Amino acid sequence: MLSVKTPVTRLSFSLHVMVLGTLISGLCWYVSCGLSGEYGWLIWIAPVPVLILSFQTSKGTTFLIAFTSYLIGRLSWFSYLESVATLIHFYSFYFHWFLLVSYLSAEQM
């Protein structure tokens, strides 16, 4: 049987690279921003994938990558803030932060 291989396009490859860079940066933020402080040195490595991707993408895509990776990193405080802060304040803070950033990014595009 003949197998037909589909070529890997530049768009799909760059999408995979962007997702991988976002996850690597987000995980570095997540581990370094923990309450224990054991891996604080990772905070210096966290922006590197975003900076590398910023040379190959547009301003809006770079903003989306940076925002998503930082949001992943800030989720390390989720259990702490949920137990200390009331749920209404906690969710309203994250919701308003998301609305503000979305509004500012929509103005720039």
PDB file of N, CA and C in Angstrom:
ATOM      1  N   MET A   1       0.838  -1.174   0.000  1.00  0.00           N
ATOM      2  CA  MET A   1       0.000   0.000   0.000  1.00  0.00           C
ATOM      3  C   MET A   1       0.885   1.239   0.000  1.00  0.00           C
ATOM      4  N   LEU A   2       0.443   2.216  -0.710  1.00  0.00           N
ATOM      5  CA  LEU A   2       1.142   3.484  -0.748  1.00  0.00           C
ATOM      6  C   LEU A   2       0.624   4.381   0.359  1.00  0.00           C
ATOM      7  N   SER A   3       1.522   4.945   1.068  1.00  0.00           N
ATOM      8  CA  SER A   3       1.104   5.881   2.108  1.00  0.00           C
ATOM      9  C   SER A   3       1.442   7.289   1.648  1.00  0.00           C
ATOM     10  N   VAL A   4       0.504   8.150   1.809  1.00  0.00           N
ATOM     11  CA  VAL A   4       0.688   9.538   1.413  1.00  0.00           C
ATOM     12  C   VAL A   4       0.962  10.348   2.665  1.00  0.00           C
ATOM     13  N   LYS A   5       2.109  10.960   2.690  1.00  0.00           N
ATOM     14  CA  LYS A   5       2.459  11.794   3.836  1.00  0.00           C
ATOM     15  C   LYS A   5       2.109  13.237   3.515  1.00  0.00           C
ATOM     16  N   THR A   6       1.452  13.849   4.450  1.00  0.00           N
ATOM     17  CA  THR A   6       1.126  15.258   4.261  1.00  0.00           C
ATOM     18  C   THR A   6       2.310  16.097   4.705  1.00  0.00           C
ATOM     19  N   PRO A   7       2.654  17.089   3.937  1.00  0.00           N
ATOM     20  CA  PRO A   7       3.806  17.914   4.330  1.00  0.00           C
ATOM     21  C   PRO A   7       3.473  18.778   5.543  1.00  0.00           C
ATOM     22  N   VAL A   8       4.460  18.974   6.352  1.00  0.00           N
ATOM     23  CA  VAL A   8       4.300  19.840   7.516  1.00  0.00           C
ATOM     24  C   VAL A   8       4.506  21.274   7.049  1.00  0.00           C
ATOM     25  N   THR A   9       3.475  22.060   7.210  1.00  0.00           N
ATOM     26  CA  THR A   9       3.566  23.446   6.772  1.00  0.00           C
ATOM     27  C   THR A   9       4.228  24.288   7.844  1.00  0.00           C
ATOM     28  N   ARG A  10       4.676  25.451   7.448  1.00  0.00           N
ATOM     29  CA  ARG A  10       5.333  26.353   8.385  1.00  0.00           C
ATOM     30  C   ARG A  10       4.371  26.848   9.458  1.00  0.00           C
ATOM     31  N   LEU A  11       3.097  27.036   9.099  1.00  0.00           N
ATOM     32  CA  LEU A  11       2.114  27.527  10.059  1.00  0.00           C
ATOM     33  C   LEU A  11       1.876  26.516  11.174  1.00  0.00           C
ATOM     34  N   SER A  12       1.701  25.222  10.819  1.00  0.00           N
ATOM     35  CA  SER A  12       1.454  24.226  11.859  1.00  0.00           C
ATOM     36  C   SER A  12       2.698  24.027  12.724  1.00  0.00           C
ATOM     37  N   PHE A  13       3.868  24.093  12.094  1.00  0.00           N
ATOM     38  CA  PHE A  13       5.102  23.945  12.874  1.00  0.00           C
ATOM     39  C   PHE A  13       5.272  25.117  13.832  1.00  0.00           C
ATOM     40  N   SER A  14       5.011  26.324  13.356  1.00  0.00           N
ATOM     41  CA  SER A  14       5.176  27.477  14.223  1.00  0.00           C
ATOM     42  C   SER A  14       4.118  27.496  15.326  1.00  0.00           C
ATOM     43  N   LEU A  15       2.935  26.961  15.056  1.00  0.00           N
ATOM     44  CA  LEU A  15       1.912  26.876  16.096  1.00  0.00           C
ATOM     45  C   LEU A  15       2.358  25.930  17.197  1.00  0.00           C
ATOM     46  N   HIS A  16       2.944  24.809  16.821  1.00  0.00           N
ATOM     47  CA  HIS A  16       3.449  23.870  17.822  1.00  0.00           C
ATOM     48  C   HIS A  16       4.584  24.497  18.637  1.00  0.00           C
ATOM     49  N   VAL A  17       5.430  25.215  17.968  1.00  0.00           N
ATOM     50  CA  VAL A  17       6.536  25.871  18.663  1.00  0.00           C
ATOM     51  C   VAL A  17       6.004  26.939  19.610  1.00  0.00           C
ATOM     52  N   MET A  18       4.986  27.691  19.181  1.00  0.00           N
ATOM     53  CA  MET A  18       4.416  28.723  20.051  1.00  0.00           C
ATOM     54  C   MET A  18       3.754  28.109  21.279  1.00  0.00           C
ATOM     55  N   VAL A  19       3.027  27.013  21.093  1.00  0.00           N
ATOM     56  CA  VAL A  19       2.389  26.352  22.236  1.00  0.00           C
ATOM     57  C   VAL A  19       3.445  25.784  23.178  1.00  0.00           C
ATOM     58  N   LEU A  20       4.479  25.170  22.613  1.00  0.00           N
ATOM     59  CA  LEU A  20       5.544  24.617  23.447  1.00  0.00           C
ATOM     60  C   LEU A  20       6.289  25.721  24.204  1.00  0.00           C
ATOM     61  N   GLY A  21       6.585  26.824  23.534  1.00  0.00           N
ATOM     62  CA  GLY A  21       7.248  27.940  24.207  1.00  0.00           C
ATOM     63  C   GLY A  21       6.392  28.540  25.302  1.00  0.00           C
ATOM     64  N   THR A  22       5.088  28.648  25.049  1.00  0.00           N
ATOM     65  CA  THR A  22       4.173  29.165  26.063  1.00  0.00           C
ATOM     66  C   THR A  22       4.125  28.244  27.271  1.00  0.00           C
ATOM     67  N   LEU A  23       4.068  26.938  27.032  1.00  0.00           N
ATOM     68  CA  LEU A  23       4.022  25.993  28.146  1.00  0.00           C
ATOM     69  C   LEU A  23       5.321  25.971  28.942  1.00  0.00           C
ATOM     70  N   ILE A  24       6.447  26.031  28.250  1.00  0.00           N
ATOM     71  CA  ILE A  24       7.728  26.045  28.964  1.00  0.00           C
ATOM     72  C   ILE A  24       7.842  27.308  29.824  1.00  0.00           C
ATOM     73  N   SER A  25       7.500  28.439  29.236  1.00  0.00           N
ATOM     74  CA  SER A  25       7.556  29.688  29.990  1.00  0.00           C
ATOM     75  C   SER A  25       6.568  29.674  31.148  1.00  0.00           C
ATOM     76  N   GLY A  26       5.360  29.198  30.900  1.00  0.00           N
ATOM     77  CA  GLY A  26       4.353  29.134  31.954  1.00  0.00           C
ATOM     78  C   GLY A  26       4.741  28.215  33.090  1.00  0.00           C
ATOM     79  N   LEU A  27       5.338  27.081  32.758  1.00  0.00           N
ATOM     80  CA  LEU A  27       5.776  26.166  33.812  1.00  0.00           C
ATOM     81  C   LEU A  27       6.934  26.742  34.617  1.00  0.00           C
ATOM     82  N   CYS A  28       7.814  27.469  33.952  1.00  0.00           N
ATOM     83  CA  CYS A  28       8.893  28.136  34.700  1.00  0.00           C
ATOM     84  C   CYS A  28       8.322  29.182  35.648  1.00  0.00           C
ATOM     85  N   TRP A  29       7.347  29.963  35.177  1.00  0.00           N
ATOM     86  CA  TRP A  29       6.694  30.942  36.057  1.00  0.00           C
ATOM     87  C   TRP A  29       5.991  30.220  37.199  1.00  0.00           C
ATOM     88  N   TYR A  30       5.291  29.114  36.876  1.00  0.00           N
ATOM     89  CA  TYR A  30       4.514  28.382  37.874  1.00  0.00           C
ATOM     90  C   TYR A  30       5.407  27.872  39.001  1.00  0.00           C
ATOM     91  N   VAL A  31       6.520  27.277  38.640  1.00  0.00           N
ATOM     92  CA  VAL A  31       7.407  26.698  39.645  1.00  0.00           C
ATOM     93  C   VAL A  31       8.147  27.786  40.422  1.00  0.00           C
ATOM     94  N   SER A  32       8.533  28.855  39.744  1.00  0.00           N
ATOM     95  CA  SER A  32       9.330  29.885  40.421  1.00  0.00           C
ATOM     96  C   SER A  32       8.492  30.790  41.313  1.00  0.00           C
ATOM     97  N   CYS A  33       7.213  30.941  41.028  1.00  0.00           N
ATOM     98  CA  CYS A  33       6.362  31.829  41.823  1.00  0.00           C
ATOM     99  C   CYS A  33       5.640  31.103  42.945  1.00  0.00           C
ATOM    100  N   GLY A  34       6.042  29.896  43.249  1.00  0.00           N
ATOM    101  CA  GLY A  34       5.410  29.152  44.328  1.00  0.00           C
ATOM    102  C   GLY A  34       5.731  29.756  45.685  1.00  0.00           C
ATOM    103  N   LEU A  35       5.011  29.335  46.682  1.00  0.00           N
ATOM    104  CA  LEU A  35       5.206  29.876  48.023  1.00  0.00           C
ATOM    105  C   LEU A  35       6.453  29.322  48.701  1.00  0.00           C
ATOM    106  N   SER A  36       6.969  28.202  48.206  1.00  0.00           N
ATOM    107  CA  SER A  36       8.148  27.618  48.852  1.00  0.00           C
ATOM    108  C   SER A  36       9.432  28.367  48.500  1.00  0.00           C
ATOM    109  N   GLY A  37       9.551  28.867  47.284  1.00  0.00           N
ATOM    110  CA  GLY A  37      10.724  29.619  46.880  1.00  0.00           C
ATOM    111  C   GLY A  37      11.943  28.774  46.573  1.00  0.00           C
ATOM    112  N   GLU A  38      11.771  27.466  46.414  1.00  0.00           N
ATOM    113  CA  GLU A  38      12.909  26.591  46.161  1.00  0.00           C
ATOM    114  C   GLU A  38      13.480  26.768  44.756  1.00  0.00           C
ATOM    115  N   TYR A  39      12.637  27.071  43.803  1.00  0.00           N
ATOM    116  CA  TYR A  39      13.072  27.167  42.416  1.00  0.00           C
ATOM    117  C   TYR A  39      12.931  28.595  41.899  1.00  0.00           C
ATOM    118  N   GLY A  40      13.312  29.549  42.699  1.00  0.00           N
ATOM    119  CA  GLY A  40      13.193  30.950  42.328  1.00  0.00           C
ATOM    120  C   GLY A  40      14.064  31.357  41.154  1.00  0.00           C
ATOM    121  N   TRP A  41      15.116  30.604  40.895  1.00  0.00           N
ATOM    122  CA  TRP A  41      16.012  30.928  39.787  1.00  0.00           C
ATOM    123  C   TRP A  41      15.344  30.715  38.436  1.00  0.00           C
ATOM    124  N   LEU A  42      14.261  29.937  38.390  1.00  0.00           N
ATOM    125  CA  LEU A  42      13.562  29.712  37.116  1.00  0.00           C
ATOM    126  C   LEU A  42      12.868  30.968  36.605  1.00  0.00           C
ATOM    127  N   ILE A  43      12.686  31.953  37.467  1.00  0.00           N
ATOM    128  CA  ILE A  43      12.052  33.191  37.031  1.00  0.00           C
ATOM    129  C   ILE A  43      12.929  33.917  36.005  1.00  0.00           C
ATOM    130  N   TRP A  44      14.226  33.650  36.007  1.00  0.00           N
ATOM    131  CA  TRP A  44      15.129  34.251  35.019  1.00  0.00           C
ATOM    132  C   TRP A  44      15.042  33.535  33.677  1.00  0.00           C
ATOM    133  N   ILE A  45      14.617  32.289  33.678  1.00  0.00           N
ATOM    134  CA  ILE A  45      14.509  31.515  32.439  1.00  0.00           C
ATOM    135  C   ILE A  45      13.126  31.666  31.811  1.00  0.00           C
ATOM    136  N   ALA A  46      12.116  31.985  32.593  1.00  0.00           N
ATOM    137  CA  ALA A  46      10.734  32.033  32.113  1.00  0.00           C
ATOM    138  C   ALA A  46      10.511  32.969  30.924  1.00  0.00           C
ATOM    139  N   PRO A  47      11.075  34.167  30.860  1.00  0.00           N
ATOM    140  CA  PRO A  47      10.803  35.030  29.712  1.00  0.00           C
ATOM    141  C   PRO A  47      11.566  34.671  28.439  1.00  0.00           C
ATOM    142  N   VAL A  48      12.538  33.784  28.523  1.00  0.00           N
ATOM    143  CA  VAL A  48      13.381  33.485  27.355  1.00  0.00           C
ATOM    144  C   VAL A  48      12.575  32.920  26.184  1.00  0.00           C
ATOM    145  N   PRO A  49      11.685  31.914  26.370  1.00  0.00           N
ATOM    146  CA  PRO A  49      10.907  31.437  25.216  1.00  0.00           C
ATOM    147  C   PRO A  49      10.011  32.517  24.608  1.00  0.00           C
ATOM    148  N   VAL A  50       9.470  33.381  25.438  1.00  0.00           N
ATOM    149  CA  VAL A  50       8.627  34.464  24.925  1.00  0.00           C
ATOM    150  C   VAL A  50       9.463  35.447  24.112  1.00  0.00           C
ATOM    151  N   LEU A  51      10.645  35.758  24.588  1.00  0.00           N
ATOM    152  CA  LEU A  51      11.513  36.666  23.849  1.00  0.00           C
ATOM    153  C   LEU A  51      11.958  36.070  22.519  1.00  0.00           C
ATOM    154  N   ILE A  52      12.259  34.787  22.503  1.00  0.00           N
ATOM    155  CA  ILE A  52      12.650  34.138  21.248  1.00  0.00           C
ATOM    156  C   ILE A  52      11.491  34.134  20.263  1.00  0.00           C
ATOM    157  N   LEU A  53      10.289  33.833  20.745  1.00  0.00           N
ATOM    158  CA  LEU A  53       9.119  33.807  19.861  1.00  0.00           C
ATOM    159  C   LEU A  53       8.713  35.201  19.404  1.00  0.00           C
ATOM    160  N   SER A  54       9.065  36.214  20.164  1.00  0.00           N
ATOM    161  CA  SER A  54       8.658  37.575  19.799  1.00  0.00           C
ATOM    162  C   SER A  54       9.341  38.055  18.524  1.00  0.00           C
ATOM    163  N   PHE A  55      10.489  37.497  18.186  1.00  0.00           N
ATOM    164  CA  PHE A  55      11.161  37.881  16.953  1.00  0.00           C
ATOM    165  C   PHE A  55      10.479  37.309  15.715  1.00  0.00           C
ATOM    166  N   GLN A  56       9.677  36.252  15.894  1.00  0.00           N
ATOM    167  CA  GLN A  56       9.062  35.586  14.758  1.00  0.00           C
ATOM    168  C   GLN A  56       7.570  35.839  14.633  1.00  0.00           C
ATOM    169  N   THR A  57       6.949  36.494  15.608  1.00  0.00           N
ATOM    170  CA  THR A  57       5.505  36.675  15.587  1.00  0.00           C
ATOM    171  C   THR A  57       5.150  38.158  15.646  1.00  0.00           C
ATOM    172  N   SER A  58       3.868  38.422  15.477  1.00  0.00           N
ATOM    173  CA  SER A  58       3.389  39.806  15.522  1.00  0.00           C
ATOM    174  C   SER A  58       3.256  40.280  16.968  1.00  0.00           C
ATOM    175  N   LYS A  59       2.923  41.563  17.119  1.00  0.00           N
ATOM    176  CA  LYS A  59       2.763  42.131  18.464  1.00  0.00           C
ATOM    177  C   LYS A  59       1.619  41.475  19.213  1.00  0.00           C
ATOM    178  N   GLY A  60       0.504  41.262  18.527  1.00  0.00           N
ATOM    179  CA  GLY A  60      -0.657  40.669  19.179  1.00  0.00           C
ATOM    180  C   GLY A  60      -0.414  39.234  19.608  1.00  0.00           C
ATOM    181  N   THR A  61       0.255  38.470  18.755  1.00  0.00           N
ATOM    182  CA  THR A  61       0.561  37.083  19.095  1.00  0.00           C
ATOM    183  C   THR A  61       1.569  37.012  20.235  1.00  0.00           C
ATOM    184  N   THR A  62       2.542  37.897  20.217  1.00  0.00           N
ATOM    185  CA  THR A  62       3.508  37.941  21.310  1.00  0.00           C
ATOM    186  C   THR A  62       2.829  38.283  22.626  1.00  0.00           C
ATOM    187  N   PHE A  63       1.899  39.225  22.589  1.00  0.00           N
ATOM    188  CA  PHE A  63       1.156  39.574  23.795  1.00  0.00           C
ATOM    189  C   PHE A  63       0.355  38.385  24.294  1.00  0.00           C
ATOM    190  N   LEU A  64      -0.296  37.675  23.396  1.00  0.00           N
ATOM    191  CA  LEU A  64      -1.094  36.516  23.782  1.00  0.00           C
ATOM    192  C   LEU A  64      -0.220  35.428  24.396  1.00  0.00           C
ATOM    193  N   ILE A  65       0.944  35.190  23.817  1.00  0.00           N
ATOM    194  CA  ILE A  65       1.873  34.193  24.363  1.00  0.00           C
ATOM    195  C   ILE A  65       2.348  34.614  25.750  1.00  0.00           C
ATOM    196  N   ALA A  66       2.736  35.869  25.906  1.00  0.00           N
ATOM    197  CA  ALA A  66       3.225  36.354  27.204  1.00  0.00           C
ATOM    198  C   ALA A  66       2.126  36.325  28.255  1.00  0.00           C
ATOM    199  N   PHE A  67       0.929  36.756  27.887  1.00  0.00           N
ATOM    200  CA  PHE A  67      -0.179  36.772  28.837  1.00  0.00           C
ATOM    201  C   PHE A  67      -0.551  35.357  29.271  1.00  0.00           C
ATOM    202  N   THR A  68      -0.608  34.435  28.323  1.00  0.00           N
ATOM    203  CA  THR A  68      -0.977  33.061  28.652  1.00  0.00           C
ATOM    204  C   THR A  68       0.079  32.396  29.529  1.00  0.00           C
ATOM    205  N   SER A  69       1.338  32.605  29.214  1.00  0.00           N
ATOM    206  CA  SER A  69       2.380  31.977  30.030  1.00  0.00           C
ATOM    207  C   SER A  69       2.406  32.559  31.440  1.00  0.00           C
ATOM    208  N   TYR A  70       2.191  33.867  31.570  1.00  0.00           N
ATOM    209  CA  TYR A  70       2.165  34.458  32.903  1.00  0.00           C
ATOM    210  C   TYR A  70       0.921  34.018  33.678  1.00  0.00           C
ATOM    211  N   LEU A  71      -0.203  33.860  32.982  1.00  0.00           N
ATOM    212  CA  LEU A  71      -1.413  33.372  33.640  1.00  0.00           C
ATOM    213  C   LEU A  71      -1.218  31.951  34.152  1.00  0.00           C
ATOM    214  N   ILE A  72      -0.553  31.120  33.369  1.00  0.00           N
ATOM    215  CA  ILE A  72      -0.237  29.765  33.835  1.00  0.00           C
ATOM    216  C   ILE A  72       0.630  29.840  35.088  1.00  0.00           C
ATOM    217  N   GLY A  73       1.584  30.738  35.084  1.00  0.00           N
ATOM    218  CA  GLY A  73       2.458  30.889  36.250  1.00  0.00           C
ATOM    219  C   GLY A  73       1.739  31.383  37.484  1.00  0.00           C
ATOM    220  N   ARG A  74       0.818  32.295  37.299  1.00  0.00           N
ATOM    221  CA  ARG A  74       0.102  32.833  38.453  1.00  0.00           C
ATOM    222  C   ARG A  74      -0.908  31.843  39.020  1.00  0.00           C
ATOM    223  N   LEU A  75      -1.214  30.790  38.303  1.00  0.00           N
ATOM    224  CA  LEU A  75      -2.115  29.770  38.830  1.00  0.00           C
ATOM    225  C   LEU A  75      -1.484  29.006  39.992  1.00  0.00           C
ATOM    226  N   SER A  76      -0.202  29.181  40.224  1.00  0.00           N
ATOM    227  CA  SER A  76       0.431  28.529  41.368  1.00  0.00           C
ATOM    228  C   SER A  76      -0.108  29.080  42.683  1.00  0.00           C
ATOM    229  N   TRP A  77      -0.610  30.289  42.663  1.00  0.00           N
ATOM    230  CA  TRP A  77      -1.189  30.891  43.858  1.00  0.00           C
ATOM    231  C   TRP A  77      -2.680  30.618  43.984  1.00  0.00           C
ATOM    232  N   PHE A  78      -3.248  29.872  43.084  1.00  0.00           N
ATOM    233  CA  PHE A  78      -4.700  29.661  43.054  1.00  0.00           C
ATOM    234  C   PHE A  78      -5.212  29.040  44.351  1.00  0.00           C
ATOM    235  N   SER A  79      -4.602  27.962  44.801  1.00  0.00           N
ATOM    236  CA  SER A  79      -5.097  27.302  46.012  1.00  0.00           C
ATOM    237  C   SER A  79      -4.912  28.191  47.242  1.00  0.00           C
ATOM    238  N   TYR A  80      -3.821  28.948  47.285  1.00  0.00           N
ATOM    239  CA  TYR A  80      -3.585  29.848  48.412  1.00  0.00           C
ATOM    240  C   TYR A  80      -4.624  30.973  48.447  1.00  0.00           C
ATOM    241  N   LEU A  81      -4.832  31.629  47.317  1.00  0.00           N
ATOM    242  CA  LEU A  81      -5.782  32.730  47.289  1.00  0.00           C
ATOM    243  C   LEU A  81      -7.211  32.266  47.493  1.00  0.00           C
ATOM    244  N   GLU A  82      -7.506  31.070  47.031  1.00  0.00           N
ATOM    245  CA  GLU A  82      -8.857  30.553  47.202  1.00  0.00           C
ATOM    246  C   GLU A  82      -9.163  30.262  48.668  1.00  0.00           C
ATOM    247  N   SER A  83      -8.160  29.841  49.412  1.00  0.00           N
ATOM    248  CA  SER A  83      -8.402  29.536  50.817  1.00  0.00           C
ATOM    249  C   SER A  83      -8.363  30.787  51.694  1.00  0.00           C
ATOM    250  N   VAL A  84      -7.588  31.790  51.319  1.00  0.00           N
ATOM    251  CA  VAL A  84      -7.452  32.984  52.144  1.00  0.00           C
ATOM    252  C   VAL A  84      -8.504  34.028  51.788  1.00  0.00           C
ATOM    253  N   ALA A  85      -8.598  34.344  50.527  1.00  0.00           N
ATOM    254  CA  ALA A  85      -9.557  35.372  50.100  1.00  0.00           C
ATOM    255  C   ALA A  85     -10.937  34.750  49.942  1.00  0.00           C
ATOM    256  N   THR A  86     -11.935  35.579  50.063  1.00  0.00           N
ATOM    257  CA  THR A  86     -13.278  35.073  49.809  1.00  0.00           C
ATOM    258  C   THR A  86     -13.422  34.796  48.326  1.00  0.00           C
ATOM    259  N   LEU A  87     -14.281  33.890  47.997  1.00  0.00           N
ATOM    260  CA  LEU A  87     -14.411  33.473  46.601  1.00  0.00           C
ATOM    261  C   LEU A  87     -14.897  34.600  45.705  1.00  0.00           C
ATOM    262  N   ILE A  88     -15.753  35.446  46.225  1.00  0.00           N
ATOM    263  CA  ILE A  88     -16.292  36.531  45.394  1.00  0.00           C
ATOM    264  C   ILE A  88     -15.170  37.499  45.029  1.00  0.00           C
ATOM    265  N   HIS A  89     -14.350  37.881  45.977  1.00  0.00           N
ATOM    266  CA  HIS A  89     -13.241  38.789  45.694  1.00  0.00           C
ATOM    267  C   HIS A  89     -12.205  38.143  44.787  1.00  0.00           C
ATOM    268  N   PHE A  90     -11.950  36.884  45.042  1.00  0.00           N
ATOM    269  CA  PHE A  90     -10.944  36.174  44.263  1.00  0.00           C
ATOM    270  C   PHE A  90     -11.346  36.076  42.794  1.00  0.00           C
ATOM    271  N   TYR A  91     -12.558  35.607  42.532  1.00  0.00           N
ATOM    272  CA  TYR A  91     -12.988  35.443  41.146  1.00  0.00           C
ATOM    273  C   TYR A  91     -13.226  36.783  40.462  1.00  0.00           C
ATOM    274  N   SER A  92     -13.694  37.769  41.205  1.00  0.00           N
ATOM    275  CA  SER A  92     -13.889  39.081  40.584  1.00  0.00           C
ATOM    276  C   SER A  92     -12.554  39.719  40.219  1.00  0.00           C
ATOM    277  N   PHE A  93     -11.527  39.492  41.045  1.00  0.00           N
ATOM    278  CA  PHE A  93     -10.204  40.020  40.722  1.00  0.00           C
ATOM    279  C   PHE A  93      -9.688  39.423  39.418  1.00  0.00           C
ATOM    280  N   TYR A  94      -9.735  38.102  39.290  1.00  0.00           N
ATOM    281  CA  TYR A  94      -9.245  37.473  38.070  1.00  0.00           C
ATOM    282  C   TYR A  94     -10.109  37.823  36.870  1.00  0.00           C
ATOM    283  N   PHE A  95     -11.416  37.941  37.066  1.00  0.00           N
ATOM    284  CA  PHE A  95     -12.305  38.279  35.964  1.00  0.00           C
ATOM    285  C   PHE A  95     -12.043  39.704  35.475  1.00  0.00           C
ATOM    286  N   HIS A  96     -11.909  40.651  36.401  1.00  0.00           N
ATOM    287  CA  HIS A  96     -11.642  42.031  35.998  1.00  0.00           C
ATOM    288  C   HIS A  96     -10.257  42.181  35.378  1.00  0.00           C
ATOM    289  N   TRP A  97      -9.288  41.449  35.875  1.00  0.00           N
ATOM    290  CA  TRP A  97      -7.958  41.478  35.280  1.00  0.00           C
ATOM    291  C   TRP A  97      -8.008  40.966  33.841  1.00  0.00           C
ATOM    292  N   PHE A  98      -8.753  39.886  33.634  1.00  0.00           N
ATOM    293  CA  PHE A  98      -8.883  39.332  32.283  1.00  0.00           C
ATOM    294  C   PHE A  98      -9.585  40.327  31.356  1.00  0.00           C
ATOM    295  N   LEU A  99     -10.633  40.989  31.846  1.00  0.00           N
ATOM    296  CA  LEU A  99     -11.329  41.973  31.013  1.00  0.00           C
ATOM    297  C   LEU A  99     -10.435  43.156  30.675  1.00  0.00           C
ATOM    298  N   LEU A 100      -9.669  43.638  31.626  1.00  0.00           N
ATOM    299  CA  LEU A 100      -8.781  44.767  31.381  1.00  0.00           C
ATOM    300  C   LEU A 100      -7.717  44.426  30.339  1.00  0.00           C
ATOM    301  N   VAL A 101      -7.101  43.287  30.485  1.00  0.00           N
ATOM    302  CA  VAL A 101      -6.054  42.887  29.544  1.00  0.00           C
ATOM    303  C   VAL A 101      -6.651  42.633  28.165  1.00  0.00           C
ATOM    304  N   SER A 102      -7.820  42.030  28.098  1.00  0.00           N
ATOM    305  CA  SER A 102      -8.464  41.797  26.804  1.00  0.00           C
ATOM    306  C   SER A 102      -8.820  43.112  26.122  1.00  0.00           C
ATOM    307  N   TYR A 103      -9.295  44.066  26.890  1.00  0.00           N
ATOM    308  CA  TYR A 103      -9.645  45.363  26.326  1.00  0.00           C
ATOM    309  C   TYR A 103      -8.413  46.089  25.801  1.00  0.00           C
ATOM    310  N   LEU A 104      -7.339  46.073  26.583  1.00  0.00           N
ATOM    311  CA  LEU A 104      -6.115  46.750  26.144  1.00  0.00           C
ATOM    312  C   LEU A 104      -5.493  46.080  24.924  1.00  0.00           C
ATOM    313  N   SER A 105      -5.562  44.762  24.863  1.00  0.00           N
ATOM    314  CA  SER A 105      -4.996  44.078  23.695  1.00  0.00           C
ATOM    315  C   SER A 105      -5.859  44.305  22.461  1.00  0.00           C
ATOM    316  N   ALA A 106      -7.165  44.436  22.633  1.00  0.00           N
ATOM    317  CA  ALA A 106      -8.045  44.683  21.488  1.00  0.00           C
ATOM    318  C   ALA A 106      -7.824  46.093  20.941  1.00  0.00           C
ATOM    319  N   GLU A 107      -7.484  47.044  21.806  1.00  0.00           N
ATOM    320  CA  GLU A 107      -7.200  48.401  21.343  1.00  0.00           C
ATOM    321  C   GLU A 107      -5.910  48.458  20.533  1.00  0.00           C
ATOM    322  N   GLN A 108      -4.930  47.661  20.916  1.00  0.00           N
ATOM    323  CA  GLN A 108      -3.646  47.688  20.223  1.00  0.00           C
ATOM    324  C   GLN A 108      -3.711  47.026  18.864  1.00  0.00           C
ATOM    325  N   MET A 109      -4.600  46.082  18.692  1.00  0.00           N
ATOM    326  CA  MET A 109      -4.695  45.382  17.414  1.00  0.00           C
ATOM    327  C   MET A 109      -5.518  46.200  16.490  1.00  0.00           C
TER     328      MET A 109
END
